[in-house]
Amino acid sequence: PEFPSNNGEFEFVPHVTIAVGPAASAPET
């Protein structure tokens, strides 16, 4: 219980990250 994902700040949502940061905001991505 001491290790909730994202320190418990966000709901757990299963997903596979494909882009982060500036690349995630680029329309071409």
PDB file of all heavy atoms in Angstrom:
ATOM      1  N   PRO A   1       0.802  -1.225   0.000  1.00  0.00           N
ATOM      2  CA  PRO A   1       0.000   0.000   0.000  1.00  0.00           C
ATOM      3  C   PRO A   1       0.838   1.279   0.000  1.00  0.00           C
ATOM      4  O   PRO A   1       0.333   2.348  -0.357  1.00  0.00           O
ATOM      5  CB  PRO A   1      -0.827  -0.116   1.280  1.00  0.00           C
ATOM      6  CG  PRO A   1      -0.024  -1.018   2.166  1.00  0.00           C
ATOM      7  CD  PRO A   1       0.660  -1.987   1.236  1.00  0.00           C
ATOM      8  N   GLU A   2       2.099   1.160   0.345  1.00  0.00           N
ATOM      9  CA  GLU A   2       2.966   2.336   0.393  1.00  0.00           C
ATOM     10  C   GLU A   2       3.447   2.789  -0.985  1.00  0.00           C
ATOM     11  O   GLU A   2       4.115   3.815  -1.109  1.00  0.00           O
ATOM     12  CB  GLU A   2       4.169   2.075   1.315  1.00  0.00           C
ATOM     13  CG  GLU A   2       5.141   1.019   0.833  1.00  0.00           C
ATOM     14  CD  GLU A   2       4.793  -0.425   1.219  1.00  0.00           C
ATOM     15  OE1 GLU A   2       3.604  -0.785   1.314  1.00  0.00           O
ATOM     16  OE2 GLU A   2       5.736  -1.202   1.409  1.00  0.00           O
ATOM     17  N   PHE A   3       3.090   2.046  -2.042  1.00  0.00           N
ATOM     18  CA  PHE A   3       3.586   2.371  -3.378  1.00  0.00           C
ATOM     19  C   PHE A   3       2.481   2.582  -4.407  1.00  0.00           C
ATOM     20  O   PHE A   3       2.501   1.986  -5.484  1.00  0.00           O
ATOM     21  CB  PHE A   3       4.525   1.259  -3.876  1.00  0.00           C
ATOM     22  CG  PHE A   3       5.701   1.012  -2.983  1.00  0.00           C
ATOM     23  CD1 PHE A   3       5.950  -0.264  -2.511  1.00  0.00           C
ATOM     24  CD2 PHE A   3       6.546   2.032  -2.608  1.00  0.00           C
ATOM     25  CE1 PHE A   3       7.038  -0.512  -1.686  1.00  0.00           C
ATOM     26  CE2 PHE A   3       7.632   1.811  -1.782  1.00  0.00           C
ATOM     27  CZ  PHE A   3       7.881   0.531  -1.321  1.00  0.00           C
ATOM     28  N   PRO A   4       1.498   3.444  -4.154  1.00  0.00           N
ATOM     29  CA  PRO A   4       0.488   3.669  -5.197  1.00  0.00           C
ATOM     30  C   PRO A   4       1.129   4.341  -6.411  1.00  0.00           C
ATOM     31  O   PRO A   4       2.019   5.181  -6.265  1.00  0.00           O
ATOM     32  CB  PRO A   4      -0.524   4.603  -4.520  1.00  0.00           C
ATOM     33  CG  PRO A   4       0.292   5.329  -3.498  1.00  0.00           C
ATOM     34  CD  PRO A   4       1.332   4.332  -3.019  1.00  0.00           C
ATOM     35  N   SER A   5       0.705   3.941  -7.608  1.00  0.00           N
ATOM     36  CA  SER A   5       1.252   4.549  -8.820  1.00  0.00           C
ATOM     37  C   SER A   5       1.087   6.055  -8.767  1.00  0.00           C
ATOM     38  O   SER A   5       0.063   6.567  -8.290  1.00  0.00           O
ATOM     39  CB  SER A   5       0.555   3.987 -10.063  1.00  0.00           C
ATOM     40  OG  SER A   5       1.070   2.713 -10.347  1.00  0.00           O
ATOM     41  N   ASN A   6       2.103   6.744  -9.276  1.00  0.00           N
ATOM     42  CA  ASN A   6       2.113   8.209  -9.308  1.00  0.00           C
ATOM     43  C   ASN A   6       1.891   8.801  -7.918  1.00  0.00           C
ATOM     44  O   ASN A   6       1.293   9.856  -7.783  1.00  0.00           O
ATOM     45  CB  ASN A   6       1.073   8.744 -10.293  1.00  0.00           C
ATOM     46  CG  ASN A   6       1.335   8.271 -11.700  1.00  0.00           C
ATOM     47  OD1 ASN A   6       2.414   8.485 -12.219  1.00  0.00           O
ATOM     48  ND2 ASN A   6       0.371   7.601 -12.293  1.00  0.00           N
ATOM     49  N   ASN A   7       2.370   8.079  -6.902  1.00  0.00           N
ATOM     50  CA  ASN A   7       2.222   8.517  -5.509  1.00  0.00           C
ATOM     51  C   ASN A   7       0.767   8.788  -5.139  1.00  0.00           C
ATOM     52  O   ASN A   7       0.480   9.590  -4.273  1.00  0.00           O
ATOM     53  CB  ASN A   7       3.093   9.744  -5.232  1.00  0.00           C
ATOM     54  CG  ASN A   7       4.558   9.436  -5.351  1.00  0.00           C
ATOM     55  OD1 ASN A   7       5.034   8.437  -4.810  1.00  0.00           O
ATOM     56  ND2 ASN A   7       5.287  10.266  -6.072  1.00  0.00           N
ATOM     57  N   GLY A   8      -0.158   8.122  -5.826  1.00  0.00           N
ATOM     58  CA  GLY A   8      -1.576   8.291  -5.534  1.00  0.00           C
ATOM     59  C   GLY A   8      -2.169   9.587  -6.048  1.00  0.00           C
ATOM     60  O   GLY A   8      -3.316   9.905  -5.743  1.00  0.00           O
ATOM     61  N   GLU A   9      -1.415  10.339  -6.852  1.00  0.00           N
ATOM     62  CA  GLU A   9      -1.894  11.634  -7.343  1.00  0.00           C
ATOM     63  C   GLU A   9      -2.918  11.514  -8.461  1.00  0.00           C
ATOM     64  O   GLU A   9      -3.702  12.425  -8.681  1.00  0.00           O
ATOM     65  CB  GLU A   9      -0.714  12.480  -7.821  1.00  0.00           C
ATOM     66  CG  GLU A   9       0.223  12.881  -6.699  1.00  0.00           C
ATOM     67  CD  GLU A   9       1.433  13.637  -7.208  1.00  0.00           C
ATOM     68  OE1 GLU A   9       1.364  14.245  -8.296  1.00  0.00           O
ATOM     69  OE2 GLU A   9       2.461  13.620  -6.509  1.00  0.00           O
ATOM     70  N   PHE A  10      -2.874  10.391  -9.202  1.00  0.00           N
ATOM     71  CA  PHE A  10      -3.778  10.199 -10.328  1.00  0.00           C
ATOM     72  C   PHE A  10      -4.398   8.817 -10.232  1.00  0.00           C
ATOM     73  O   PHE A  10      -3.802   7.892  -9.689  1.00  0.00           O
ATOM     74  CB  PHE A  10      -3.032  10.310 -11.667  1.00  0.00           C
ATOM     75  CG  PHE A  10      -2.287  11.597 -11.842  1.00  0.00           C
ATOM     76  CD1 PHE A  10      -0.902  11.631 -11.694  1.00  0.00           C
ATOM     77  CD2 PHE A  10      -2.943  12.771 -12.135  1.00  0.00           C
ATOM     78  CE1 PHE A  10      -0.200  12.813 -11.842  1.00  0.00           C
ATOM     79  CE2 PHE A  10      -2.250  13.957 -12.290  1.00  0.00           C
ATOM     80  CZ  PHE A  10      -0.875  13.983 -12.140  1.00  0.00           C
ATOM     81  N   GLU A  11      -5.567   8.672 -10.824  1.00  0.00           N
ATOM     82  CA  GLU A  11      -6.207   7.363 -10.896  1.00  0.00           C
ATOM     83  C   GLU A  11      -5.345   6.432 -11.752  1.00  0.00           C
ATOM     84  O   GLU A  11      -4.746   6.851 -12.744  1.00  0.00           O
ATOM     85  CB  GLU A  11      -7.592   7.514 -11.533  1.00  0.00           C
ATOM     86  CG  GLU A  11      -8.293   6.196 -11.763  1.00  0.00           C
ATOM     87  CD  GLU A  11      -9.555   6.323 -12.597  1.00  0.00           C
ATOM     88  OE1 GLU A  11      -9.918   7.443 -13.000  1.00  0.00           O
ATOM     89  OE2 GLU A  11     -10.170   5.282 -12.849  1.00  0.00           O
ATOM     90  N   PHE A  12      -5.287   5.158 -11.363  1.00  0.00           N
ATOM     91  CA  PHE A  12      -4.564   4.161 -12.146  1.00  0.00           C
ATOM     92  C   PHE A  12      -5.333   3.912 -13.441  1.00  0.00           C
ATOM     93  O   PHE A  12      -6.499   3.529 -13.419  1.00  0.00           O
ATOM     94  CB  PHE A  12      -4.431   2.861 -11.340  1.00  0.00           C
ATOM     95  CG  PHE A  12      -3.845   1.728 -12.125  1.00  0.00           C
ATOM     96  CD1 PHE A  12      -2.499   1.705 -12.443  1.00  0.00           C
ATOM     97  CD2 PHE A  12      -4.642   0.684 -12.568  1.00  0.00           C
ATOM     98  CE1 PHE A  12      -1.948   0.662 -13.178  1.00  0.00           C
ATOM     99  CE2 PHE A  12      -4.111  -0.372 -13.296  1.00  0.00           C
ATOM    100  CZ  PHE A  12      -2.765  -0.373 -13.605  1.00  0.00           C
ATOM    101  N   VAL A  13      -4.683   4.156 -14.574  1.00  0.00           N
ATOM    102  CA  VAL A  13      -5.279   3.928 -15.893  1.00  0.00           C
ATOM    103  C   VAL A  13      -4.271   3.125 -16.717  1.00  0.00           C
ATOM    104  O   VAL A  13      -3.205   3.643 -17.078  1.00  0.00           O
ATOM    105  CB  VAL A  13      -5.611   5.248 -16.619  1.00  0.00           C
ATOM    106  CG1 VAL A  13      -6.154   4.965 -18.016  1.00  0.00           C
ATOM    107  CG2 VAL A  13      -6.580   6.082 -15.810  1.00  0.00           C
ATOM    108  N   PRO A  14      -4.572   1.865 -17.015  1.00  0.00           N
ATOM    109  CA  PRO A  14      -3.659   1.080 -17.847  1.00  0.00           C
ATOM    110  C   PRO A  14      -3.518   1.702 -19.234  1.00  0.00           C
ATOM    111  O   PRO A  14      -4.502   2.094 -19.851  1.00  0.00           O
ATOM    112  CB  PRO A  14      -4.337  -0.291 -17.938  1.00  0.00           C
ATOM    113  CG  PRO A  14      -5.337  -0.318 -16.836  1.00  0.00           C
ATOM    114  CD  PRO A  14      -5.745   1.102 -16.602  1.00  0.00           C
ATOM    115  N   HIS A  15      -2.274   1.815 -19.694  1.00  0.00           N
ATOM    116  CA  HIS A  15      -1.993   2.412 -20.994  1.00  0.00           C
ATOM    117  C   HIS A  15      -0.548   2.104 -21.364  1.00  0.00           C
ATOM    118  O   HIS A  15       0.235   1.656 -20.526  1.00  0.00           O
ATOM    119  CB  HIS A  15      -2.207   3.926 -20.958  1.00  0.00           C
ATOM    120  CG  HIS A  15      -1.221   4.633 -20.079  1.00  0.00           C
ATOM    121  ND1 HIS A  15      -1.349   4.668 -18.703  1.00  0.00           N
ATOM    122  CD2 HIS A  15      -0.071   5.279 -20.369  1.00  0.00           C
ATOM    123  CE1 HIS A  15      -0.327   5.327 -18.187  1.00  0.00           C
ATOM    124  NE2 HIS A  15       0.472   5.714 -19.178  1.00  0.00           N
ATOM    125  N   VAL A  16      -0.188   2.368 -22.612  1.00  0.00           N
ATOM    126  CA  VAL A  16       1.194   2.254 -23.079  1.00  0.00           C
ATOM    127  C   VAL A  16       1.599   3.627 -23.610  1.00  0.00           C
ATOM    128  O   VAL A  16       1.036   4.115 -24.593  1.00  0.00           O
ATOM    129  CB  VAL A  16       1.339   1.171 -24.174  1.00  0.00           C
ATOM    130  CG1 VAL A  16       2.772   1.133 -24.697  1.00  0.00           C
ATOM    131  CG2 VAL A  16       0.923  -0.195 -23.639  1.00  0.00           C
ATOM    132  N   THR A  17       2.559   4.246 -22.949  1.00  0.00           N
ATOM    133  CA  THR A  17       3.017   5.580 -23.336  1.00  0.00           C
ATOM    134  C   THR A  17       3.771   5.506 -24.664  1.00  0.00           C
ATOM    135  O   THR A  17       4.664   4.685 -24.832  1.00  0.00           O
ATOM    136  CB  THR A  17       3.916   6.181 -22.242  1.00  0.00           C
ATOM    137  OG1 THR A  17       3.152   6.288 -21.029  1.00  0.00           O
ATOM    138  CG2 THR A  17       4.444   7.552 -22.633  1.00  0.00           C
ATOM    139  N   ILE A  18       3.417   6.412 -25.571  1.00  0.00           N
ATOM    140  CA  ILE A  18       4.053   6.470 -26.888  1.00  0.00           C
ATOM    141  C   ILE A  18       4.849   7.768 -27.060  1.00  0.00           C
ATOM    142  O   ILE A  18       5.857   7.787 -27.760  1.00  0.00           O
ATOM    143  CB  ILE A  18       2.999   6.342 -28.015  1.00  0.00           C
ATOM    144  CG1 ILE A  18       2.183   5.054 -27.852  1.00  0.00           C
ATOM    145  CG2 ILE A  18       3.644   6.433 -29.392  1.00  0.00           C
ATOM    146  CD1 ILE A  18       2.982   3.757 -27.942  1.00  0.00           C
ATOM    147  N   ALA A  19       4.440   8.848 -26.423  1.00  0.00           N
ATOM    148  CA  ALA A  19       5.155  10.122 -26.532  1.00  0.00           C
ATOM    149  C   ALA A  19       4.988  10.919 -25.239  1.00  0.00           C
ATOM    150  O   ALA A  19       3.922  10.882 -24.623  1.00  0.00           O
ATOM    151  CB  ALA A  19       4.628  10.931 -27.717  1.00  0.00           C
ATOM    152  N   VAL A  20       6.050  11.615 -24.864  1.00  0.00           N
ATOM    153  CA  VAL A  20       6.007  12.473 -23.678  1.00  0.00           C
ATOM    154  C   VAL A  20       6.656  13.811 -24.004  1.00  0.00           C
ATOM    155  O   VAL A  20       7.434  13.930 -24.958  1.00  0.00           O
ATOM    156  CB  VAL A  20       6.712  11.829 -22.456  1.00  0.00           C
ATOM    157  CG1 VAL A  20       5.991  10.587 -21.995  1.00  0.00           C
ATOM    158  CG2 VAL A  20       8.166  11.534 -22.738  1.00  0.00           C
ATOM    159  N   GLY A  21       6.341  14.804 -23.190  1.00  0.00           N
ATOM    160  CA  GLY A  21       6.969  16.114 -23.310  1.00  0.00           C
ATOM    161  C   GLY A  21       6.626  16.816 -24.602  1.00  0.00           C
ATOM    162  O   GLY A  21       5.516  16.682 -25.119  1.00  0.00           O
ATOM    163  N   PRO A  22       7.580  17.560 -25.156  1.00  0.00           N
ATOM    164  CA  PRO A  22       7.311  18.321 -26.378  1.00  0.00           C
ATOM    165  C   PRO A  22       6.808  17.464 -27.537  1.00  0.00           C
ATOM    166  O   PRO A  22       5.965  17.901 -28.311  1.00  0.00           O
ATOM    167  CB  PRO A  22       8.665  18.960 -26.709  1.00  0.00           C
ATOM    168  CG  PRO A  22       9.390  19.024 -25.398  1.00  0.00           C
ATOM    169  CD  PRO A  22       8.917  17.813 -24.622  1.00  0.00           C
ATOM    170  N   ALA A  23       7.308  16.238 -27.659  1.00  0.00           N
ATOM    171  CA  ALA A  23       6.861  15.365 -28.754  1.00  0.00           C
ATOM    172  C   ALA A  23       5.375  15.061 -28.644  1.00  0.00           C
ATOM    173  O   ALA A  23       4.692  14.912 -29.662  1.00  0.00           O
ATOM    174  CB  ALA A  23       7.661  14.062 -28.758  1.00  0.00           C
ATOM    175  N   ALA A  24       4.859  14.970 -27.424  1.00  0.00           N
ATOM    176  CA  ALA A  24       3.432  14.676 -27.229  1.00  0.00           C
ATOM    177  C   ALA A  24       2.555  15.850 -27.656  1.00  0.00           C
ATOM    178  O   ALA A  24       1.386  15.662 -27.991  1.00  0.00           O
ATOM    179  CB  ALA A  24       3.157  14.312 -25.777  1.00  0.00           C
ATOM    180  N   SER A  25       3.118  17.047 -27.634  1.00  0.00           N
ATOM    181  CA  SER A  25       2.351  18.235 -28.014  1.00  0.00           C
ATOM    182  C   SER A  25       2.465  18.562 -29.493  1.00  0.00           C
ATOM    183  O   SER A  25       1.714  19.390 -29.999  1.00  0.00           O
ATOM    184  CB  SER A  25       2.833  19.443 -27.199  1.00  0.00           C
ATOM    185  OG  SER A  25       2.666  19.178 -25.822  1.00  0.00           O
ATOM    186  N   ALA A  26       3.394  17.915 -30.178  1.00  0.00           N
ATOM    187  CA  ALA A  26       3.589  18.196 -31.601  1.00  0.00           C
ATOM    188  C   ALA A  26       2.470  17.559 -32.415  1.00  0.00           C
ATOM    189  O   ALA A  26       2.226  16.360 -32.299  1.00  0.00           O
ATOM    190  CB  ALA A  26       4.947  17.657 -32.052  1.00  0.00           C
ATOM    191  N   PRO A  27       1.774  18.326 -33.231  1.00  0.00           N
ATOM    192  CA  PRO A  27       0.663  17.782 -34.018  1.00  0.00           C
ATOM    193  C   PRO A  27       1.056  16.589 -34.885  1.00  0.00           C
ATOM    194  O   PRO A  27       0.273  15.662 -35.075  1.00  0.00           O
ATOM    195  CB  PRO A  27       0.207  18.964 -34.885  1.00  0.00           C
ATOM    196  CG  PRO A  27       0.717  20.178 -34.191  1.00  0.00           C
ATOM    197  CD  PRO A  27       1.960  19.765 -33.456  1.00  0.00           C
ATOM    198  N   GLU A  28       2.279  16.583 -35.404  1.00  0.00           N
ATOM    199  CA  GLU A  28       2.701  15.485 -36.272  1.00  0.00           C
ATOM    200  C   GLU A  28       2.815  14.160 -35.512  1.00  0.00           C
ATOM    201  O   GLU A  28       2.721  13.091 -36.120  1.00  0.00           O
ATOM    202  CB  GLU A  28       4.016  15.814 -36.996  1.00  0.00           C
ATOM    203  CG  GLU A  28       5.200  16.057 -36.099  1.00  0.00           C
ATOM    204  CD  GLU A  28       5.376  17.522 -35.654  1.00  0.00           C
ATOM    205  OE1 GLU A  28       4.427  18.325 -35.790  1.00  0.00           O
ATOM    206  OE2 GLU A  28       6.465  17.831 -35.177  1.00  0.00           O
ATOM    207  N   THR A  29       2.995  14.202 -34.198  1.00  0.00           N
ATOM    208  CA  THR A  29       3.068  12.954 -33.433  1.00  0.00           C
ATOM    209  C   THR A  29       1.692  12.290 -33.375  1.00  0.00           C
ATOM    210  O   THR A  29       1.567  11.086 -33.614  1.00  0.00           O
ATOM    211  CB  THR A  29       3.605  13.208 -32.010  1.00  0.00           C
ATOM    212  OG1 THR A  29       4.860  13.896 -32.089  1.00  0.00           O
ATOM    213  CG2 THR A  29       3.794  11.899 -31.259  1.00  0.00           C
TER     214      THR A  29
END
